[in-house]
N, C-alpha and C. Protein backbone atom coordinates (compact mmCIF):
# COMPACT_ATOMS: atom_id res chain seq x y z
N MET A 1 1.28 3.60 -21.05
CA MET A 1 0.86 4.37 -19.61
C MET A 1 0.63 6.31 -20.06
N ASN A 2 -0.60 6.30 -19.87
CA ASN A 2 -0.23 7.68 -19.92
C ASN A 2 0.37 8.36 -18.41
N ARG A 3 0.00 9.85 -18.36
CA ARG A 3 0.15 10.51 -17.48
C ARG A 3 -0.51 10.56 -16.33
N ASP A 4 -1.66 9.92 -16.20
CA ASP A 4 -2.66 10.06 -15.26
C ASP A 4 -2.34 8.83 -14.67
N GLU A 5 -1.78 7.36 -15.44
CA GLU A 5 -1.60 6.39 -14.83
C GLU A 5 -0.29 6.22 -14.20
N ASP A 6 0.78 7.14 -14.40
CA ASP A 6 1.76 7.44 -14.00
C ASP A 6 1.59 7.44 -12.74
N ASP A 7 0.93 9.01 -12.61
CA ASP A 7 0.52 9.85 -11.69
C ASP A 7 0.13 9.04 -9.87
N VAL A 8 -0.76 7.83 -10.60
CA VAL A 8 -1.78 7.26 -10.03
C VAL A 8 -0.68 5.89 -9.57
N ARG A 9 0.03 5.67 -10.16
CA ARG A 9 1.35 4.85 -9.48
C ARG A 9 2.15 5.16 -8.80
N ALA A 10 2.12 6.36 -9.15
CA ALA A 10 3.38 7.11 -8.30
C ALA A 10 2.59 7.51 -6.53
N LEU A 11 1.13 7.36 -6.87
CA LEU A 11 1.13 7.63 -5.49
C LEU A 11 0.69 6.56 -4.58
N TYR A 12 0.70 5.56 -5.15
CA TYR A 12 0.62 4.16 -4.56
C TYR A 12 2.10 3.98 -4.01
N GLN A 13 3.17 4.24 -4.83
CA GLN A 13 4.52 4.02 -4.61
C GLN A 13 5.00 5.14 -2.64
N GLN A 14 4.09 6.35 -3.23
CA GLN A 14 4.03 7.34 -2.66
C GLN A 14 3.74 6.90 -0.56
N LEU A 15 2.74 6.01 -0.96
CA LEU A 15 1.80 5.57 0.07
C LEU A 15 2.86 4.61 0.98
N LEU A 16 3.16 3.57 0.35
CA LEU A 16 4.48 2.40 0.94
C LEU A 16 5.89 3.31 1.04
N ASP A 17 6.29 3.94 0.29
CA ASP A 17 7.49 4.57 0.73
C ASP A 17 7.24 5.10 2.47
N ALA A 18 5.98 6.18 1.93
CA ALA A 18 5.54 6.90 3.59
C ALA A 18 5.71 5.60 4.61
N TRP A 19 5.21 4.68 4.53
CA TRP A 19 5.02 3.54 5.60
C TRP A 19 6.29 3.43 6.05
N ASN A 20 7.29 2.94 4.65
CA ASN A 20 8.22 2.07 5.60
C ASN A 20 9.41 3.19 6.12
N ARG A 21 8.94 4.36 5.70
CA ARG A 21 9.76 5.20 6.71
C ARG A 21 9.36 5.33 7.72
N ARG A 22 7.96 5.55 8.42
CA ARG A 22 6.96 5.39 9.57
C ARG A 22 6.73 6.72 9.76
N SER A 23 6.02 7.35 8.53
CA SER A 23 5.99 9.07 8.14
C SER A 23 4.50 8.74 8.59
N ALA A 24 3.84 8.92 9.25
CA ALA A 24 2.65 9.26 9.45
C ALA A 24 2.00 10.22 8.71
N ARG A 25 2.51 11.22 8.72
CA ARG A 25 2.17 12.35 8.36
C ARG A 25 2.53 12.31 7.00
N GLY A 26 3.45 11.90 6.42
CA GLY A 26 3.44 11.96 4.74
C GLY A 26 2.54 10.70 4.17
N MET A 27 1.97 9.72 4.71
CA MET A 27 1.19 8.59 4.72
C MET A 27 -0.54 9.81 4.38
N ALA A 28 -0.83 10.72 5.43
CA ALA A 28 -1.41 11.25 5.88
C ALA A 28 -2.21 12.32 4.66
N LEU A 29 -0.63 13.28 4.07
CA LEU A 29 -0.81 13.80 3.31
C LEU A 29 -1.09 13.42 1.69
N LEU A 30 -1.01 11.93 1.22
CA LEU A 30 -1.81 11.89 0.07
C LEU A 30 -3.04 11.08 0.61
N PHE A 31 -4.08 11.31 1.54
CA PHE A 31 -5.14 10.99 1.35
C PHE A 31 -6.49 12.14 1.46
N LEU A 32 -7.23 11.97 0.85
CA LEU A 32 -8.54 13.36 1.16
C LEU A 32 -8.88 13.24 2.55
N ARG A 33 -9.37 14.39 2.70
CA ARG A 33 -10.08 14.57 4.34
C ARG A 33 -10.58 13.83 4.94
N ASP A 34 -11.49 13.46 3.92
CA ASP A 34 -12.81 12.36 4.45
C ASP A 34 -12.39 10.74 3.75
N ALA A 35 -11.31 10.35 3.31
CA ALA A 35 -11.18 9.41 2.92
C ALA A 35 -11.30 8.01 4.06
N ILE A 36 -11.41 6.83 3.27
CA ILE A 36 -11.73 5.55 4.09
C ILE A 36 -10.93 5.17 3.94
N VAL A 37 -10.03 4.45 5.24
CA VAL A 37 -8.65 3.12 5.09
C VAL A 37 -9.75 1.67 5.68
N VAL A 38 -9.55 1.05 5.39
CA VAL A 38 -9.44 -0.50 5.92
C VAL A 38 -8.19 -0.88 6.04
N GLY A 39 -7.90 -1.57 7.17
CA GLY A 39 -6.64 -1.97 7.36
C GLY A 39 -6.35 -3.17 7.16
N PHE A 40 -5.00 -4.50 7.00
CA PHE A 40 -5.17 -5.92 7.15
C PHE A 40 -5.99 -6.26 7.69
N ASP A 41 -6.50 -5.77 9.16
CA ASP A 41 -7.07 -6.34 10.07
C ASP A 41 -8.45 -6.03 10.24
N GLY A 42 -8.51 -5.30 9.75
CA GLY A 42 -9.85 -4.64 9.63
C GLY A 42 -10.43 -3.41 9.98
N SER A 43 -9.19 -3.73 10.75
CA SER A 43 -9.82 -1.50 11.19
C SER A 43 -10.16 -0.80 10.25
N GLN A 44 -10.60 0.49 10.62
CA GLN A 44 -11.36 1.48 9.67
C GLN A 44 -11.30 2.61 10.11
N MET A 45 -10.28 3.50 9.62
CA MET A 45 -10.15 4.71 9.73
C MET A 45 -10.56 5.52 8.65
N VAL A 46 -11.32 7.32 9.24
CA VAL A 46 -12.63 7.39 8.24
C VAL A 46 -11.48 8.98 8.27
N GLY A 47 -10.82 9.79 7.23
CA GLY A 47 -9.77 10.57 7.14
C GLY A 47 -8.68 10.99 7.36
N ALA A 48 -8.25 11.91 6.37
CA ALA A 48 -6.36 11.85 6.68
C ALA A 48 -6.13 12.11 8.47
N GLY A 49 -6.88 13.22 8.93
CA GLY A 49 -6.69 13.22 10.27
C GLY A 49 -6.35 11.94 11.33
N ALA A 50 -7.59 10.85 10.89
CA ALA A 50 -7.31 9.78 11.55
C ALA A 50 -6.23 8.76 11.15
N VAL A 51 -5.99 8.58 9.97
CA VAL A 51 -5.47 8.02 9.32
C VAL A 51 -3.46 8.71 10.15
N GLU A 52 -3.52 9.72 9.99
CA GLU A 52 -2.15 10.64 10.41
C GLU A 52 -2.34 9.85 12.22
N ALA A 53 -3.07 10.20 13.07
CA ALA A 53 -3.47 9.75 14.73
C ALA A 53 -2.92 8.26 14.58
N GLU A 54 -3.95 7.73 14.01
CA GLU A 54 -3.60 5.87 14.35
C GLU A 54 -2.37 5.39 13.75
N LEU A 55 -2.08 5.95 12.49
CA LEU A 55 -0.74 5.49 12.31
C LEU A 55 0.45 6.38 12.93
N GLY A 56 0.66 7.56 13.42
CA GLY A 56 1.29 7.76 14.61
C GLY A 56 1.66 7.05 15.72
N ARG A 57 0.20 6.65 16.52
CA ARG A 57 0.26 6.37 17.11
C ARG A 57 1.32 4.41 16.70
N ILE A 58 0.95 3.70 15.71
CA ILE A 58 1.16 2.65 15.99
C ILE A 58 2.98 2.74 15.76
N PHE A 59 3.50 3.62 15.03
CA PHE A 59 4.76 3.66 14.43
C PHE A 59 5.17 4.54 15.82
N ALA A 60 4.58 4.99 16.47
CA ALA A 60 5.41 5.42 17.97
C ALA A 60 5.49 4.21 19.13
N ASP A 61 4.65 3.03 18.49
CA ASP A 61 4.78 1.86 19.77
C ASP A 61 5.90 0.91 19.33
N HIS A 62 6.01 0.58 17.95
CA HIS A 62 6.72 -0.16 17.59
C HIS A 62 7.04 0.13 15.62
N VAL A 63 8.39 -0.96 15.11
CA VAL A 63 8.08 -0.66 14.28
C VAL A 63 7.93 -1.56 12.92
N PRO A 64 7.28 -0.76 12.51
CA PRO A 64 6.04 -2.38 11.71
C PRO A 64 7.18 -3.01 10.13
N ALA A 65 6.73 -4.13 9.66
CA ALA A 65 7.73 -4.70 8.80
C ALA A 65 6.99 -3.78 7.38
N ARG A 66 8.55 -3.66 6.26
CA ARG A 66 8.29 -2.57 5.42
C ARG A 66 7.17 -3.32 3.79
N TYR A 67 6.92 -2.73 3.55
CA TYR A 67 6.37 -2.69 2.57
C TYR A 67 6.95 -3.55 1.29
N VAL A 68 6.36 -4.13 0.20
CA VAL A 68 6.92 -4.10 -1.33
C VAL A 68 5.83 -4.59 -2.09
N GLY A 69 5.40 -3.59 -3.00
CA GLY A 69 3.79 -3.83 -3.84
C GLY A 69 4.39 -3.78 -5.04
N LEU A 70 3.59 -5.05 -6.12
CA LEU A 70 3.29 -4.38 -7.68
C LEU A 70 2.18 -4.18 -8.23
N VAL A 71 1.87 -3.44 -9.04
CA VAL A 71 0.41 -2.74 -9.35
C VAL A 71 -0.07 -3.90 -9.79
N ARG A 72 -0.90 -4.52 -10.29
CA ARG A 72 -1.79 -5.23 -10.86
C ARG A 72 -1.92 -4.51 -11.82
N SER A 73 -3.02 -3.25 -12.06
CA SER A 73 -3.86 -2.98 -12.98
C SER A 73 -3.79 -1.51 -12.10
N VAL A 74 -4.14 -0.31 -12.88
CA VAL A 74 -4.70 0.78 -13.11
C VAL A 74 -5.97 0.76 -13.72
N SER A 75 -7.62 1.29 -13.17
CA SER A 75 -8.27 1.78 -14.31
C SER A 75 -8.91 2.73 -13.94
N PHE A 76 -9.56 3.45 -15.21
CA PHE A 76 -10.60 4.62 -14.73
C PHE A 76 -11.85 4.75 -15.48
N PRO A 77 -12.52 4.51 -14.39
CA PRO A 77 -14.20 4.88 -14.40
C PRO A 77 -14.78 5.76 -14.73
N THR A 78 -13.54 7.08 -14.32
CA THR A 78 -13.91 8.73 -15.20
C THR A 78 -12.75 9.03 -15.36
N SER A 79 -12.33 10.79 -16.08
CA SER A 79 -11.18 10.69 -16.00
C SER A 79 -10.25 11.27 -14.86
N ASP A 80 -11.68 11.32 -13.67
CA ASP A 80 -11.16 11.75 -12.36
C ASP A 80 -11.12 11.15 -11.34
N THR A 81 -11.55 10.06 -11.73
CA THR A 81 -11.06 8.51 -11.00
C THR A 81 -10.52 7.03 -11.15
N ALA A 82 -9.68 7.28 -10.41
CA ALA A 82 -8.68 5.61 -10.33
C ALA A 82 -8.88 4.76 -9.68
N VAL A 83 -9.05 3.62 -10.00
CA VAL A 83 -8.74 2.17 -9.59
C VAL A 83 -7.62 1.44 -9.78
N LEU A 84 -6.81 1.60 -8.44
CA LEU A 84 -5.31 0.94 -9.18
C LEU A 84 -5.74 -0.64 -8.57
N HIS A 85 -4.97 -1.80 -8.92
CA HIS A 85 -5.38 -3.12 -7.67
C HIS A 85 -3.58 -3.31 -7.72
N ALA A 86 -3.20 -3.43 -6.47
CA ALA A 86 -1.67 -4.49 -6.19
C ALA A 86 -1.69 -5.22 -5.11
N VAL A 87 -1.21 -5.96 -5.27
CA VAL A 87 -0.69 -7.28 -3.97
C VAL A 87 0.61 -6.44 -3.73
N ALA A 88 0.69 -7.13 -2.44
CA ALA A 88 1.92 -6.19 -1.66
C ALA A 88 2.38 -7.78 -0.86
N GLY A 89 3.52 -7.49 -0.33
CA GLY A 89 3.95 -8.29 1.01
C GLY A 89 4.87 -7.66 1.32
N MET A 90 5.50 -7.67 3.05
CA MET A 90 6.06 -7.45 3.90
C MET A 90 7.52 -7.87 4.91
N VAL A 91 8.33 -7.16 4.98
CA VAL A 91 9.48 -7.81 5.32
C VAL A 91 9.66 -7.15 6.80
N PRO A 92 9.43 -8.34 7.74
CA PRO A 92 9.62 -7.42 8.98
C PRO A 92 10.94 -7.42 9.24
N SER A 93 11.14 -6.28 10.20
CA SER A 93 12.64 -5.21 10.71
C SER A 93 13.55 -6.55 10.65
N GLY A 94 14.31 -6.12 10.21
CA GLY A 94 16.05 -6.83 10.54
C GLY A 94 15.76 -8.11 9.62
N ALA A 95 14.47 -8.67 8.81
CA ALA A 95 14.67 -9.72 8.12
C ALA A 95 14.44 -8.86 6.58
N ARG A 96 14.98 -9.92 5.60
CA ARG A 96 15.73 -9.98 4.82
C ARG A 96 14.41 -10.21 3.56
N ALA A 97 13.51 -10.95 4.20
CA ALA A 97 12.73 -11.47 2.84
C ALA A 97 11.20 -11.67 3.85
N ILE A 98 10.44 -11.62 2.73
CA ILE A 98 8.60 -11.79 2.60
C ILE A 98 8.20 -12.02 3.98
N LYS A 99 7.49 -12.21 4.29
CA LYS A 99 6.75 -13.14 4.77
C LYS A 99 5.44 -12.90 4.92
N PRO A 100 5.37 -14.49 4.35
CA PRO A 100 3.68 -15.00 3.33
C PRO A 100 2.93 -14.73 4.02
N GLU A 101 2.50 -14.71 5.33
CA GLU A 101 1.32 -14.52 5.74
C GLU A 101 0.62 -13.45 5.98
N ASN A 102 1.57 -12.16 5.85
CA ASN A 102 1.91 -10.95 5.57
C ASN A 102 0.62 -10.33 4.20
N ASN A 103 0.77 -11.21 2.99
CA ASN A 103 0.66 -10.92 1.94
C ASN A 103 -0.36 -10.55 1.95
N ALA A 104 -0.66 -9.54 1.00
CA ALA A 104 -2.10 -8.57 1.12
C ALA A 104 -2.13 -8.47 -0.70
N VAL A 105 -3.52 -7.68 -0.76
CA VAL A 105 -4.35 -7.22 -2.15
C VAL A 105 -4.73 -6.30 -1.68
N GLN A 106 -4.30 -5.22 -2.01
CA GLN A 106 -4.48 -4.13 -2.09
C GLN A 106 -5.48 -3.24 -3.23
N ILE A 107 -6.32 -2.43 -2.80
CA ILE A 107 -7.20 -1.73 -3.68
C ILE A 107 -7.23 -0.24 -3.41
N LEU A 108 -6.41 1.02 -4.09
CA LEU A 108 -6.73 2.28 -4.24
C LEU A 108 -7.78 2.97 -4.93
N THR A 109 -8.26 3.88 -4.32
CA THR A 109 -9.36 4.10 -5.16
C THR A 109 -8.74 6.12 -5.31
N ALA A 110 -8.65 6.75 -6.20
CA ALA A 110 -8.31 7.79 -5.96
C ALA A 110 -8.85 9.30 -7.53
N VAL A 111 -8.86 10.20 -6.83
CA VAL A 111 -9.76 10.97 -7.71
C VAL A 111 -8.53 12.29 -7.59
N LYS A 112 -9.32 12.87 -9.01
CA LYS A 112 -8.28 13.74 -9.34
C LYS A 112 -9.00 15.54 -9.17
N ALA A 113 -8.43 16.33 -8.34
CA ALA A 113 -9.11 17.50 -7.89
C ALA A 113 -7.91 18.27 -7.87
N ALA A 114 -8.12 19.59 -8.71
CA ALA A 114 -7.56 21.02 -8.82
C ALA A 114 -5.84 20.27 -9.34
N GLY A 115 -5.93 19.19 -10.37
CA GLY A 115 -4.68 19.17 -11.30
C GLY A 115 -4.09 18.07 -10.08
N ARG A 116 -5.02 17.16 -9.13
CA ARG A 116 -3.48 16.52 -8.07
C ARG A 116 -4.61 15.27 -7.62
N TRP A 117 -3.43 14.04 -7.84
CA TRP A 117 -4.23 12.93 -7.37
C TRP A 117 -4.44 12.74 -5.88
N ALA A 118 -5.46 12.29 -5.18
CA ALA A 118 -5.55 12.06 -3.96
C ALA A 118 -6.19 10.81 -3.36
N ILE A 119 -5.95 9.96 -2.74
CA ILE A 119 -6.64 8.83 -1.78
C ILE A 119 -8.08 8.77 -1.19
N ALA A 120 -8.70 8.63 -2.29
CA ALA A 120 -9.85 8.54 -1.13
C ALA A 120 -10.61 7.45 -0.71
N ALA A 121 -10.10 5.99 -0.95
CA ALA A 121 -10.22 4.88 -0.23
C ALA A 121 -9.26 4.27 -0.62
N TYR A 122 -8.75 3.37 0.53
CA TYR A 122 -7.96 1.81 0.28
C TYR A 122 -8.43 0.97 1.18
N GLN A 123 -7.91 -0.32 0.69
CA GLN A 123 -8.34 -1.29 1.71
C GLN A 123 -7.34 -2.55 0.94
N ASN A 124 -6.99 -3.25 2.03
CA ASN A 124 -5.48 -4.10 2.46
C ASN A 124 -6.35 -5.14 2.74
N THR A 125 -6.64 -6.44 2.09
CA THR A 125 -6.62 -7.47 2.08
C THR A 125 -6.00 -8.41 2.23
N PRO A 126 -5.70 -9.40 3.23
CA PRO A 126 -5.05 -10.31 3.38
C PRO A 126 -5.15 -11.17 2.74
N ALA A 127 -4.19 -11.58 1.74
CA ALA A 127 -3.98 -12.66 0.73
C ALA A 127 -3.48 -14.30 1.14
N ARG A 128 -4.50 -14.75 2.09
CA ARG A 128 -4.74 -16.10 2.38
C ARG A 128 -4.70 -17.64 0.95
N PHE A 129 -5.69 -17.41 0.53
CA PHE A 129 -5.93 -17.99 -0.73
C PHE A 129 -5.94 -19.10 0.01
N ASP A 130 -7.12 -19.32 0.81
CA ASP A 130 -7.59 -20.56 1.92
C ASP A 130 -7.84 -21.52 0.78
N GLY A 131 -7.09 -22.85 1.05
CA GLY A 131 -7.72 -24.11 0.81
C GLY A 131 -6.45 -24.19 -0.78
N ARG A 132 -5.63 -22.85 -1.67
CA ARG A 132 -5.10 -22.99 -2.65
C ARG A 132 -3.78 -22.80 -2.18
N PRO A 133 -2.93 -23.61 -1.33
CA PRO A 133 -1.16 -22.97 -0.98
C PRO A 133 -0.61 -22.94 -2.22
N LYS A 134 -0.85 -23.48 -2.99
CA LYS A 134 0.35 -23.02 -4.46
C LYS A 134 -0.41 -21.59 -4.64
N LEU A 135 -0.89 -21.10 -4.79
CA LEU A 135 -1.28 -19.74 -5.41
C LEU A 135 -1.04 -18.79 -4.18
N ALA A 136 -0.79 -19.53 -2.96
CA ALA A 136 0.11 -18.22 -2.09
C ALA A 136 1.10 -18.08 -2.43
N ALA A 137 1.99 -19.70 -2.26
CA ALA A 137 3.26 -19.29 -2.85
C ALA A 137 3.97 -18.97 -4.09
N GLU A 138 2.72 -19.50 -5.07
CA GLU A 138 3.21 -18.53 -6.32
C GLU A 138 3.08 -16.81 -6.02
N LEU A 139 2.69 -16.20 -5.13
CA LEU A 139 2.49 -14.53 -4.68
C LEU A 139 3.76 -14.19 -3.75
N THR A 140 4.20 -15.15 -3.23
CA THR A 140 5.33 -15.02 -1.99
C THR A 140 6.77 -15.26 -3.32
N THR A 141 6.42 -16.16 -3.86
CA THR A 141 7.78 -16.15 -5.33
C THR A 141 8.02 -15.18 -5.79
N GLU A 142 6.70 -14.14 -6.11
CA GLU A 142 6.67 -13.23 -7.33
C GLU A 142 7.23 -12.05 -6.19
N LEU A 143 6.45 -11.92 -4.98
CA LEU A 143 6.75 -10.44 -4.31
C LEU A 143 8.20 -10.82 -3.69
N ASP A 144 9.12 -11.71 -3.73
CA ASP A 144 10.16 -11.81 -3.29
C ASP A 144 11.15 -11.34 -4.47
N GLY A 145 10.72 -12.03 -5.61
CA GLY A 145 11.50 -11.30 -6.84
C GLY A 145 11.41 -9.70 -6.80
N ALA A 146 10.31 -8.81 -6.65
CA ALA A 146 9.97 -7.64 -6.41
C ALA A 146 11.24 -7.19 -5.63
N LEU A 147 11.34 -8.07 -4.19
CA LEU A 147 12.25 -7.36 -3.50
C LEU A 147 13.63 -7.13 -3.32
N GLU A 148 13.80 -8.34 -4.39
CA GLU A 148 14.98 -8.68 -4.65
C GLU A 148 15.65 -7.46 -5.51
N GLU A 149 14.72 -7.24 -6.48
CA GLU A 149 14.97 -6.02 -7.46
C GLU A 149 15.35 -4.75 -6.60
N ARG A 150 14.40 -4.49 -5.69
CA ARG A 150 14.41 -3.10 -4.99
C ARG A 150 14.83 -3.08 -3.69
N SER A 151 15.69 -4.03 -3.25
CA SER A 151 16.01 -4.17 -2.21
C SER A 151 16.55 -3.07 -1.16
N ALA A 152 17.44 -2.16 -2.49
CA ALA A 152 18.08 -1.06 -1.90
C ALA A 152 16.99 -0.30 -1.37
N GLN A 153 16.07 0.03 -2.11
CA GLN A 153 15.10 0.92 -1.65
C GLN A 153 14.23 0.65 -0.51
N ILE A 154 14.16 -0.60 0.07
CA ILE A 154 13.01 -1.44 0.77
C ILE A 154 13.41 -1.53 1.87
N LEU A 155 15.08 -2.06 1.81
CA LEU A 155 15.61 -2.73 3.12
C LEU A 155 16.51 -1.43 4.02
N GLU A 156 17.25 -0.63 3.22
CA GLU A 156 18.14 0.00 3.63
C GLU A 156 17.68 1.33 4.01
N ARG A 157 16.56 1.66 4.60
CA ARG A 157 15.97 2.73 5.12
C ARG A 157 16.39 2.93 6.52
């Protein structure tokens, strides 16, 4: 890995950590002013301000499940553009295991400006694997393993 790949992976982890802390502001700071976010349910937010406002509303109303993510790849179409592919699972509040129906595939596109990586686009798509239950089970098993390795960071906050 090189420095830029490390930085993009860290940006993704910061995104998950901010969600797990229920920090709308912390999440918004990771996005460009005109970033596009497509949520798990297909909802869309445009801009860091919209991210902060909508997530602030969500976090005020309830305690969402916590994320555990696994980066599959990071590629660089240009030297200042990165595409990160990850999978993620969620652990509901009070639980200690992944809820399989919330597993997701995530794509994060980041751009580097003034020496800093920021999120330009983020999409969170359900990993249902329609008609392929074995794939869904394999992903859950893999995410459960990641959760076990990182449970102190994810569950104890």
